[in-house]
Amino acid sequence: MERDGPFKAMKRVFPVRSVGKIELIPLEEICWIKGAANYVEIHAENGKYMHRETLHNLTQQLDPSIFLRIHRSAIVNLNHIKEISSELGRFSLVTLRDGTELKIGNGYRDTLFSALNL
């Protein structure tokens, strides 16, 4: 077995600690993440998970080519974005493939558009 085989696998999953267990959520299944004080709510295709971590620290851990902060309280998986819509002429809403709508913070709009090559 090659030396960093298990480490490569860990980069494709996110470990979430729960009472008495650690669940490994595949990164591609994570749709978006909401900050909630010292916790985050991880919204995945198969459910919602609470994880003790700040949104700021989580931003540092996730791959920025896949996960991008779009609001002070939200990180989105770019692969789950269905559309971006505008209110009053300003693009300010992301709709995910599951129908979830998330606001785009003013300070994050340019970064999101750049990441999507728009």
C-alpha atoms as a PDB file:
ATOM      1  CA  MET A   1       0.000   0.000   0.000  1.00  0.00           C
ATOM      2  CA  GLU A   2       1.313   3.440  -0.847  1.00  0.00           C
ATOM      3  CA  ARG A   3       2.229   5.683   2.046  1.00  0.00           C
ATOM      4  CA  ASP A   4      -0.415   8.393   1.727  1.00  0.00           C
ATOM      5  CA  GLY A   5      -3.312   6.198   0.549  1.00  0.00           C
ATOM      6  CA  PRO A   6      -5.488   6.735   3.660  1.00  0.00           C
ATOM      7  CA  PHE A   7      -4.692  10.451   3.688  1.00  0.00           C
ATOM      8  CA  LYS A   8      -5.924  10.835   0.119  1.00  0.00           C
ATOM      9  CA  ALA A   9      -9.207   9.200   1.147  1.00  0.00           C
ATOM     10  CA  MET A  10      -9.621  11.614   4.078  1.00  0.00           C
ATOM     11  CA  LYS A  11      -9.442  14.585   1.711  1.00  0.00           C
ATOM     12  CA  ARG A  12     -12.628  13.299   0.040  1.00  0.00           C
ATOM     13  CA  VAL A  13     -14.644  13.043   3.269  1.00  0.00           C
ATOM     14  CA  PHE A  14     -15.373  15.352   6.163  1.00  0.00           C
ATOM     15  CA  PRO A  15     -15.344  13.833   9.673  1.00  0.00           C
ATOM     16  CA  VAL A  16     -18.233  15.000  11.888  1.00  0.00           C
ATOM     17  CA  ARG A  17     -18.094  14.083  15.561  1.00  0.00           C
ATOM     18  CA  SER A  18     -21.372  13.068  17.154  1.00  0.00           C
ATOM     19  CA  VAL A  19     -22.056  11.516  20.536  1.00  0.00           C
ATOM     20  CA  GLY A  20     -20.242   8.188  20.529  1.00  0.00           C
ATOM     21  CA  LYS A  21     -19.278   8.192  16.841  1.00  0.00           C
ATOM     22  CA  ILE A  22     -17.538   9.977  13.994  1.00  0.00           C
ATOM     23  CA  GLU A  23     -19.470  10.148  10.735  1.00  0.00           C
ATOM     24  CA  LEU A  24     -17.541  10.515   7.480  1.00  0.00           C
ATOM     25  CA  ILE A  25     -19.503  12.654   5.016  1.00  0.00           C
ATOM     26  CA  PRO A  26     -18.309  12.580   1.389  1.00  0.00           C
ATOM     27  CA  LEU A  27     -17.405  16.142   0.384  1.00  0.00           C
ATOM     28  CA  GLU A  28     -19.376  15.956  -2.851  1.00  0.00           C
ATOM     29  CA  GLU A  29     -22.553  15.311  -0.807  1.00  0.00           C
ATOM     30  CA  ILE A  30     -22.172  18.499   1.247  1.00  0.00           C
ATOM     31  CA  CYS A  31     -24.475  21.137  -0.301  1.00  0.00           C
ATOM     32  CA  TRP A  32     -23.851  24.070   2.025  1.00  0.00           C
ATOM     33  CA  ILE A  33     -22.740  24.962   5.534  1.00  0.00           C
ATOM     34  CA  LYS A  34     -24.353  27.450   7.901  1.00  0.00           C
ATOM     35  CA  GLY A  35     -22.538  29.112  10.778  1.00  0.00           C
ATOM     36  CA  ALA A  36     -24.180  28.948  14.206  1.00  0.00           C
ATOM     37  CA  ALA A  37     -21.850  30.544  16.814  1.00  0.00           C
ATOM     38  CA  ASN A  38     -19.156  27.941  17.653  1.00  0.00           C
ATOM     39  CA  TYR A  39     -20.969  25.290  15.628  1.00  0.00           C
ATOM     40  CA  VAL A  40     -21.779  24.788  11.987  1.00  0.00           C
ATOM     41  CA  GLU A  41     -24.766  23.070  10.417  1.00  0.00           C
ATOM     42  CA  ILE A  42     -23.578  20.892   7.561  1.00  0.00           C
ATOM     43  CA  HIS A  43     -26.399  20.432   5.045  1.00  0.00           C
ATOM     44  CA  ALA A  44     -25.725  17.318   2.983  1.00  0.00           C
ATOM     45  CA  GLU A  45     -27.777  15.398   0.448  1.00  0.00           C
ATOM     46  CA  ASN A  46     -28.729  12.829   3.093  1.00  0.00           C
ATOM     47  CA  GLY A  47     -29.358  15.083   6.104  1.00  0.00           C
ATOM     48  CA  LYS A  48     -28.116  17.808   8.407  1.00  0.00           C
ATOM     49  CA  TYR A  49     -25.224  17.489  10.847  1.00  0.00           C
ATOM     50  CA  MET A  50     -24.022  19.688  13.701  1.00  0.00           C
ATOM     51  CA  HIS A  51     -20.252  20.039  14.054  1.00  0.00           C
ATOM     52  CA  ARG A  52     -18.312  21.976  16.691  1.00  0.00           C
ATOM     53  CA  GLU A  53     -16.206  24.338  14.588  1.00  0.00           C
ATOM     54  CA  THR A  54     -16.393  27.975  13.605  1.00  0.00           C
ATOM     55  CA  LEU A  55     -17.245  28.912  10.040  1.00  0.00           C
ATOM     56  CA  HIS A  56     -13.971  30.833   9.802  1.00  0.00           C
ATOM     57  CA  ASN A  57     -11.876  27.787  10.774  1.00  0.00           C
ATOM     58  CA  LEU A  58     -13.860  25.543   8.459  1.00  0.00           C
ATOM     59  CA  THR A  59     -13.234  27.910   5.563  1.00  0.00           C
ATOM     60  CA  GLN A  60      -9.500  27.391   6.110  1.00  0.00           C
ATOM     61  CA  GLN A  61      -9.865  23.577   6.012  1.00  0.00           C
ATOM     62  CA  LEU A  62     -12.042  23.134   2.913  1.00  0.00           C
ATOM     63  CA  ASP A  63     -10.855  23.183  -0.695  1.00  0.00           C
ATOM     64  CA  PRO A  64     -11.519  26.738  -1.982  1.00  0.00           C
ATOM     65  CA  SER A  65     -11.997  25.468  -5.531  1.00  0.00           C
ATOM     66  CA  ILE A  66     -15.101  23.576  -4.321  1.00  0.00           C
ATOM     67  CA  PHE A  67     -16.309  25.362  -1.177  1.00  0.00           C
ATOM     68  CA  LEU A  68     -16.712  29.119  -1.122  1.00  0.00           C
ATOM     69  CA  ARG A  69     -17.987  31.503   1.502  1.00  0.00           C
ATOM     70  CA  ILE A  70     -20.834  33.533   0.000  1.00  0.00           C
ATOM     71  CA  HIS A  71     -22.134  35.212   3.155  1.00  0.00           C
ATOM     72  CA  ARG A  72     -20.847  35.843   6.668  1.00  0.00           C
ATOM     73  CA  SER A  73     -22.929  32.859   7.780  1.00  0.00           C
ATOM     74  CA  ALA A  74     -22.759  30.517   4.746  1.00  0.00           C
ATOM     75  CA  ILE A  75     -20.345  28.405   2.730  1.00  0.00           C
ATOM     76  CA  VAL A  76     -21.615  26.777  -0.469  1.00  0.00           C
ATOM     77  CA  ASN A  77     -20.426  23.815  -2.520  1.00  0.00           C
ATOM     78  CA  LEU A  78     -19.999  25.368  -5.978  1.00  0.00           C
ATOM     79  CA  ASN A  79     -20.985  22.073  -7.619  1.00  0.00           C
ATOM     80  CA  HIS A  80     -24.463  22.299  -6.047  1.00  0.00           C
ATOM     81  CA  ILE A  81     -25.341  25.755  -7.416  1.00  0.00           C
ATOM     82  CA  LYS A  82     -28.258  25.664  -9.850  1.00  0.00           C
ATOM     83  CA  GLU A  83     -28.654  29.396 -10.511  1.00  0.00           C
ATOM     84  CA  ILE A  84     -27.857  32.897  -9.344  1.00  0.00           C
ATOM     85  CA  SER A  85     -30.693  35.408  -9.423  1.00  0.00           C
ATOM     86  CA  SER A  86     -31.033  39.109  -8.845  1.00  0.00           C
ATOM     87  CA  GLU A  87     -33.212  41.355  -6.749  1.00  0.00           C
ATOM     88  CA  LEU A  88     -33.469  44.992  -7.835  1.00  0.00           C
ATOM     89  CA  GLY A  89     -30.802  44.465 -10.488  1.00  0.00           C
ATOM     90  CA  ARG A  90     -28.149  43.073  -8.111  1.00  0.00           C
ATOM     91  CA  PHE A  91     -27.239  39.414  -8.113  1.00  0.00           C
ATOM     92  CA  SER A  92     -27.925  38.498  -4.530  1.00  0.00           C
ATOM     93  CA  LEU A  93     -29.414  34.995  -4.346  1.00  0.00           C
ATOM     94  CA  VAL A  94     -27.971  31.522  -4.974  1.00  0.00           C
ATOM     95  CA  THR A  95     -30.363  28.642  -5.572  1.00  0.00           C
ATOM     96  CA  LEU A  96     -29.009  25.148  -5.031  1.00  0.00           C
ATOM     97  CA  ARG A  97     -30.079  22.013  -6.914  1.00  0.00           C
ATOM     98  CA  ASP A  98     -32.208  20.947  -3.910  1.00  0.00           C
ATOM     99  CA  GLY A  99     -34.119  24.256  -4.016  1.00  0.00           C
ATOM    100  CA  THR A 100     -32.364  25.900  -1.064  1.00  0.00           C
ATOM    101  CA  GLU A 101     -31.974  29.663  -1.513  1.00  0.00           C
ATOM    102  CA  LEU A 102     -29.002  31.435   0.059  1.00  0.00           C
ATOM    103  CA  LYS A 103     -28.231  35.146   0.135  1.00  0.00           C
ATOM    104  CA  ILE A 104     -24.973  36.386  -1.325  1.00  0.00           C
ATOM    105  CA  GLY A 105     -23.267  38.927   0.905  1.00  0.00           C
ATOM    106  CA  ASN A 106     -22.126  42.131  -0.829  1.00  0.00           C
ATOM    107  CA  GLY A 107     -18.505  41.510   0.115  1.00  0.00           C
ATOM    108  CA  TYR A 108     -18.553  37.979  -1.304  1.00  0.00           C
ATOM    109  CA  ARG A 109     -20.256  38.587  -4.689  1.00  0.00           C
ATOM    110  CA  ASP A 110     -17.095  39.340  -6.715  1.00  0.00           C
ATOM    111  CA  THR A 111     -15.288  36.288  -5.309  1.00  0.00           C
ATOM    112  CA  LEU A 112     -18.236  34.042  -6.182  1.00  0.00           C
ATOM    113  CA  PHE A 113     -18.467  35.398  -9.725  1.00  0.00           C
ATOM    114  CA  SER A 114     -14.720  34.998 -10.175  1.00  0.00           C
ATOM    115  CA  ALA A 115     -14.823  31.386  -8.919  1.00  0.00           C
ATOM    116  CA  LEU A 116     -17.602  30.631 -11.433  1.00  0.00           C
ATOM    117  CA  ASN A 117     -15.795  32.489 -14.254  1.00  0.00           C
ATOM    118  CA  LEU A 118     -18.675  34.949 -14.667  1.00  0.00           C
END
